[in-house]
Amino acid sequence: MCAPKTPPKTLLCAAEDLRHLLNRGYPRKSAVRFVCDHYRISGDWRLVLSRVVFDSKTVERRVLKMVRCDGIRGRRVGVDGFNVLIGVEAGLVGEPVFRCDDEFVRDVRGVFRSYRVAETSWRALDEVLSFLFDQSPRWVEVLFDVQISKSGELSRGCQERLESRGMEGVCRTSRSVDLELKQFDGVVATSDGIIIDEAGSALNIIQCVCERIGVESVKIEEMV
């Protein structure tokens, strides 16, 4: 175990210990709880560790699936609507977005059910669609979880914006976004590790959009 001296050092030490436990095969949930309890980490920082730290095999597998930001020209792209929107919006409002061990960028809001559509939501959507437009995919399919408030409003607004740009594709609600994306015939745009693990290829779209609008993602090691 590390001997932390400052709060950032505590987080770094906790991340190192969590990687060690995960690489030894400990169950993820139990490992996160053990490490966070040991270092007395709670709240948002506990969520940070649970979302950014992964074992080396998972990292290697996901990195191999990652498609470059400029690698979707002429391809079909399936977008995890709320996952991507919330991540980009976090960056827009100045909340931290983390470059995780698997190189995918994630926010730390975590809970979709409490999400509320705001002016920045539409700005985030515009930035996502503008990025996609510039990359010229053959088809874009944006899926919004129907169980989340305002999903219908967002999907309609998304469809209007898609059509105004002359892009081929569809924005719609779904009761099984995760399943549809796991089975999607093309590149999946999401930061959801469970979907990435099942997909054939994945676009680190939150990172792509953040770079485009000048929002920097950060690694835990860079906070020390």
Protein backbone atom coordinates (compact mmCIF):
# COMPACT_ATOMS: atom_id res chain seq x y z
CA MET A 1 0.00 0.00 0.00
CA CYS A 2 1.12 3.58 -0.71
CA ALA A 3 1.65 6.10 2.07
CA PRO A 4 -0.38 9.13 0.97
CA LYS A 5 0.57 12.62 2.17
CA THR A 6 -1.93 14.88 0.38
CA PRO A 7 -5.48 14.38 -0.96
CA PRO A 8 -4.29 14.09 -4.61
CA LYS A 9 -1.63 11.62 -3.49
CA THR A 10 -4.29 9.65 -1.65
CA LEU A 11 -6.30 9.33 -4.84
CA LEU A 12 -3.24 8.26 -6.83
CA CYS A 13 -2.30 5.64 -4.24
CA ALA A 14 -5.85 4.34 -4.16
CA ALA A 15 -5.85 4.03 -7.95
CA GLU A 16 -2.59 2.08 -7.88
CA ASP A 17 -3.91 -0.30 -5.24
CA LEU A 18 -7.20 -0.76 -7.09
CA ARG A 19 -5.36 -1.65 -10.31
CA HIS A 20 -3.31 -4.18 -8.37
CA LEU A 21 -6.39 -5.87 -6.93
CA LEU A 22 -8.22 -5.90 -10.27
CA ASN A 23 -5.18 -7.40 -12.02
CA ARG A 24 -5.19 -10.16 -9.43
CA GLY A 25 -8.79 -11.00 -10.27
CA TYR A 26 -10.66 -9.45 -7.36
CA PRO A 27 -14.32 -8.60 -8.09
CA ARG A 28 -14.56 -4.98 -9.17
CA LYS A 29 -17.27 -3.87 -6.75
CA SER A 30 -15.54 -5.43 -3.75
CA ALA A 31 -12.14 -4.06 -4.75
CA VAL A 32 -13.47 -0.51 -5.11
CA ARG A 33 -15.19 -0.71 -1.73
CA PHE A 34 -12.11 -2.12 0.00
CA VAL A 35 -9.71 0.46 -1.41
CA CYS A 36 -12.03 3.42 -0.83
CA ASP A 37 -12.77 2.33 2.72
CA HIS A 38 -9.06 1.90 3.39
CA TYR A 39 -8.21 5.40 2.18
CA ARG A 40 -11.45 6.89 3.52
CA ILE A 41 -12.50 8.02 0.06
CA SER A 42 -16.18 8.80 -0.39
CA GLY A 43 -18.63 10.68 -2.57
CA ASP A 44 -17.55 11.82 -6.01
CA TRP A 45 -13.97 10.58 -5.64
CA ARG A 46 -15.19 7.06 -4.97
CA LEU A 47 -17.20 7.34 -8.18
CA VAL A 48 -14.12 8.62 -10.01
CA LEU A 49 -12.12 5.55 -9.05
CA SER A 50 -14.93 3.20 -9.99
CA ARG A 51 -15.22 4.79 -13.45
CA VAL A 52 -11.59 5.39 -14.45
CA VAL A 53 -9.50 2.47 -13.13
CA PHE A 54 -9.40 -0.88 -14.95
CA ASP A 55 -7.34 -4.05 -15.03
CA SER A 56 -4.67 -4.39 -17.73
CA LYS A 57 -6.51 -7.04 -19.77
CA THR A 58 -9.63 -4.88 -20.01
CA VAL A 59 -7.50 -1.90 -21.03
CA GLU A 60 -5.73 -3.86 -23.76
CA ARG A 61 -8.98 -5.27 -25.12
CA ARG A 62 -10.74 -1.91 -25.27
CA VAL A 63 -7.81 0.00 -26.75
CA LEU A 64 -7.69 -2.50 -29.61
CA LYS A 65 -11.34 -1.74 -30.37
CA MET A 66 -10.91 2.03 -30.38
CA VAL A 67 -11.49 3.86 -33.66
CA ARG A 68 -9.68 7.14 -34.30
CA CYS A 69 -11.72 10.34 -34.34
CA ASP A 70 -11.06 10.63 -38.08
CA GLY A 71 -11.75 6.95 -38.70
CA ILE A 72 -15.53 6.92 -39.25
CA ARG A 73 -15.74 8.36 -42.76
CA GLY A 74 -18.16 6.29 -44.82
CA ARG A 75 -19.05 4.05 -41.86
CA ARG A 76 -22.19 3.43 -39.84
CA VAL A 77 -22.10 4.99 -36.36
CA GLY A 78 -24.41 4.15 -33.45
CA VAL A 79 -24.44 6.80 -30.72
CA ASP A 80 -25.28 6.15 -27.06
CA GLY A 81 -27.35 9.34 -26.77
CA PHE A 82 -27.51 10.15 -23.07
CA ASN A 83 -24.09 8.69 -22.30
CA VAL A 84 -22.43 10.92 -24.88
CA LEU A 85 -24.59 13.97 -24.27
CA ILE A 86 -24.00 13.99 -20.52
CA GLY A 87 -20.24 13.54 -20.95
CA VAL A 88 -19.91 16.38 -23.44
CA GLU A 89 -22.19 18.62 -21.39
CA ALA A 90 -20.04 18.03 -18.31
CA GLY A 91 -17.05 19.36 -20.21
CA LEU A 92 -18.99 22.35 -21.49
CA VAL A 93 -20.01 23.48 -17.99
CA GLY A 94 -16.52 23.05 -16.56
CA GLU A 95 -16.99 19.77 -14.72
CA PRO A 96 -14.06 17.34 -14.84
CA VAL A 97 -13.90 14.75 -17.58
CA PHE A 98 -11.40 11.98 -17.00
CA ARG A 99 -9.21 10.12 -19.47
CA CYS A 100 -9.50 6.64 -18.03
CA ASP A 101 -7.09 3.72 -17.97
CA ASP A 102 -8.74 2.32 -21.11
CA GLU A 103 -8.24 5.74 -22.81
CA PHE A 104 -11.99 6.42 -23.03
CA VAL A 105 -13.13 9.75 -21.58
CA ARG A 106 -15.85 9.70 -18.92
CA ASP A 107 -17.63 12.21 -16.73
CA VAL A 108 -18.46 11.55 -13.08
CA ARG A 109 -22.13 12.49 -13.02
CA GLY A 110 -22.95 8.81 -13.09
CA VAL A 111 -26.71 8.78 -12.59
CA PHE A 112 -28.80 9.22 -15.75
CA ARG A 113 -32.17 9.06 -14.02
CA SER A 114 -31.68 12.48 -12.43
CA TYR A 115 -30.64 14.10 -15.72
CA ARG A 116 -32.48 17.27 -16.67
CA VAL A 117 -32.48 18.81 -20.14
CA ALA A 118 -31.06 22.35 -20.11
CA GLU A 119 -29.74 24.89 -22.60
CA THR A 120 -26.31 23.28 -22.36
CA SER A 121 -27.87 19.95 -23.33
CA TRP A 122 -28.79 21.36 -26.73
CA ARG A 123 -25.37 22.94 -27.10
CA ALA A 124 -23.77 19.58 -26.32
CA LEU A 125 -26.00 17.88 -28.88
CA ASP A 126 -25.04 20.47 -31.50
CA GLU A 127 -21.35 19.90 -30.80
CA VAL A 128 -21.74 16.12 -31.11
CA LEU A 129 -23.62 16.37 -34.41
CA SER A 130 -21.19 18.97 -35.77
CA PHE A 131 -18.29 16.65 -35.05
CA LEU A 132 -20.08 13.77 -36.77
CA PHE A 133 -20.98 15.96 -39.76
CA ASP A 134 -17.32 16.93 -40.22
CA GLN A 135 -16.28 13.26 -40.23
CA SER A 136 -18.79 12.24 -42.95
CA PRO A 137 -20.10 8.89 -41.67
CA ARG A 138 -22.40 7.00 -44.02
CA TRP A 139 -25.17 6.62 -41.43
CA VAL A 140 -25.72 7.94 -37.90
CA GLU A 141 -28.14 6.39 -35.42
CA VAL A 142 -28.58 8.20 -32.10
CA LEU A 143 -30.45 6.26 -29.42
CA PHE A 144 -32.01 7.81 -26.31
CA ASP A 145 -33.26 5.74 -23.36
CA VAL A 146 -37.05 6.15 -23.37
CA GLN A 147 -37.15 5.79 -19.57
CA ILE A 148 -35.25 9.04 -19.06
CA SER A 149 -37.19 12.30 -18.84
CA LYS A 150 -37.39 14.37 -22.05
CA SER A 151 -35.94 11.58 -24.18
CA GLY A 152 -38.68 12.13 -26.77
CA GLU A 153 -37.99 15.86 -26.91
CA LEU A 154 -34.28 15.26 -27.32
CA SER A 155 -34.73 12.64 -30.03
CA ARG A 156 -37.03 14.95 -32.01
CA GLY A 157 -34.62 17.87 -31.66
CA CYS A 158 -31.76 15.60 -32.65
CA GLN A 159 -33.63 14.41 -35.75
CA GLU A 160 -34.33 17.99 -36.82
CA ARG A 161 -30.67 18.90 -36.43
CA LEU A 162 -29.59 15.78 -38.30
CA GLU A 163 -31.84 16.62 -41.23
CA SER A 164 -30.85 20.30 -41.27
CA ARG A 165 -27.25 19.22 -41.77
CA GLY A 166 -28.23 16.86 -44.58
CA MET A 167 -26.92 13.84 -42.68
CA GLU A 168 -28.18 10.33 -43.34
CA GLY A 169 -29.49 8.71 -40.18
CA VAL A 170 -32.07 8.70 -37.44
CA CYS A 171 -32.48 9.84 -33.83
CA ARG A 172 -34.97 7.84 -31.78
CA THR A 173 -35.89 6.55 -28.35
CA SER A 174 -35.42 2.94 -27.32
CA ARG A 175 -36.27 0.72 -24.38
CA SER A 176 -33.10 -1.30 -24.88
CA VAL A 177 -30.33 1.10 -25.89
CA ASP A 178 -27.53 -1.05 -24.48
CA LEU A 179 -28.70 -4.20 -26.26
CA GLU A 180 -29.20 -2.41 -29.57
CA LEU A 181 -25.74 -0.88 -29.43
CA LYS A 182 -24.10 -4.17 -28.49
CA GLN A 183 -25.64 -5.63 -31.64
CA PHE A 184 -25.09 -2.57 -33.83
CA ASP A 185 -23.57 -3.23 -37.25
CA GLY A 186 -20.95 -0.50 -37.27
CA VAL A 187 -18.93 1.70 -34.93
CA VAL A 188 -20.44 2.32 -31.50
CA ALA A 189 -19.94 5.79 -29.99
CA THR A 190 -20.06 5.48 -26.20
CA SER A 191 -17.96 5.48 -23.04
CA ASP A 192 -20.01 2.66 -21.48
CA GLY A 193 -17.54 -0.13 -20.85
CA ILE A 194 -20.17 -2.86 -20.90
CA ILE A 195 -21.23 -1.83 -24.40
CA ILE A 196 -17.63 -1.40 -25.57
CA ASP A 197 -16.77 -4.91 -24.40
CA GLU A 198 -19.52 -6.38 -26.59
CA ALA A 199 -19.09 -4.11 -29.62
CA GLY A 200 -16.84 -4.83 -32.57
CA SER A 201 -15.38 -1.31 -32.61
CA ALA A 202 -15.87 1.82 -30.53
CA LEU A 203 -15.41 5.55 -31.00
CA ASN A 204 -14.12 7.59 -28.06
CA ILE A 205 -16.55 10.31 -29.08
CA ILE A 206 -16.56 12.31 -25.84
CA GLN A 207 -12.81 12.76 -26.20
CA CYS A 208 -13.21 13.63 -29.90
CA VAL A 209 -15.78 16.33 -29.18
CA CYS A 210 -13.93 17.69 -26.15
CA GLU A 211 -10.74 18.09 -28.19
CA ARG A 212 -12.73 19.86 -30.90
CA ILE A 213 -14.18 22.44 -28.48
CA GLY A 214 -11.03 22.93 -26.42
CA VAL A 215 -12.01 20.99 -23.30
CA GLU A 216 -9.14 19.04 -21.75
CA SER A 217 -9.63 15.65 -20.17
CA VAL A 218 -7.40 14.69 -17.26
CA LYS A 219 -5.83 11.50 -15.93
CA ILE A 220 -5.66 10.85 -12.21
CA GLU A 221 -1.85 10.86 -12.40
CA GLU A 222 -1.91 14.41 -13.77
CA MET A 223 -3.72 15.69 -10.68
CA VAL A 224 -0.77 15.08 -8.37
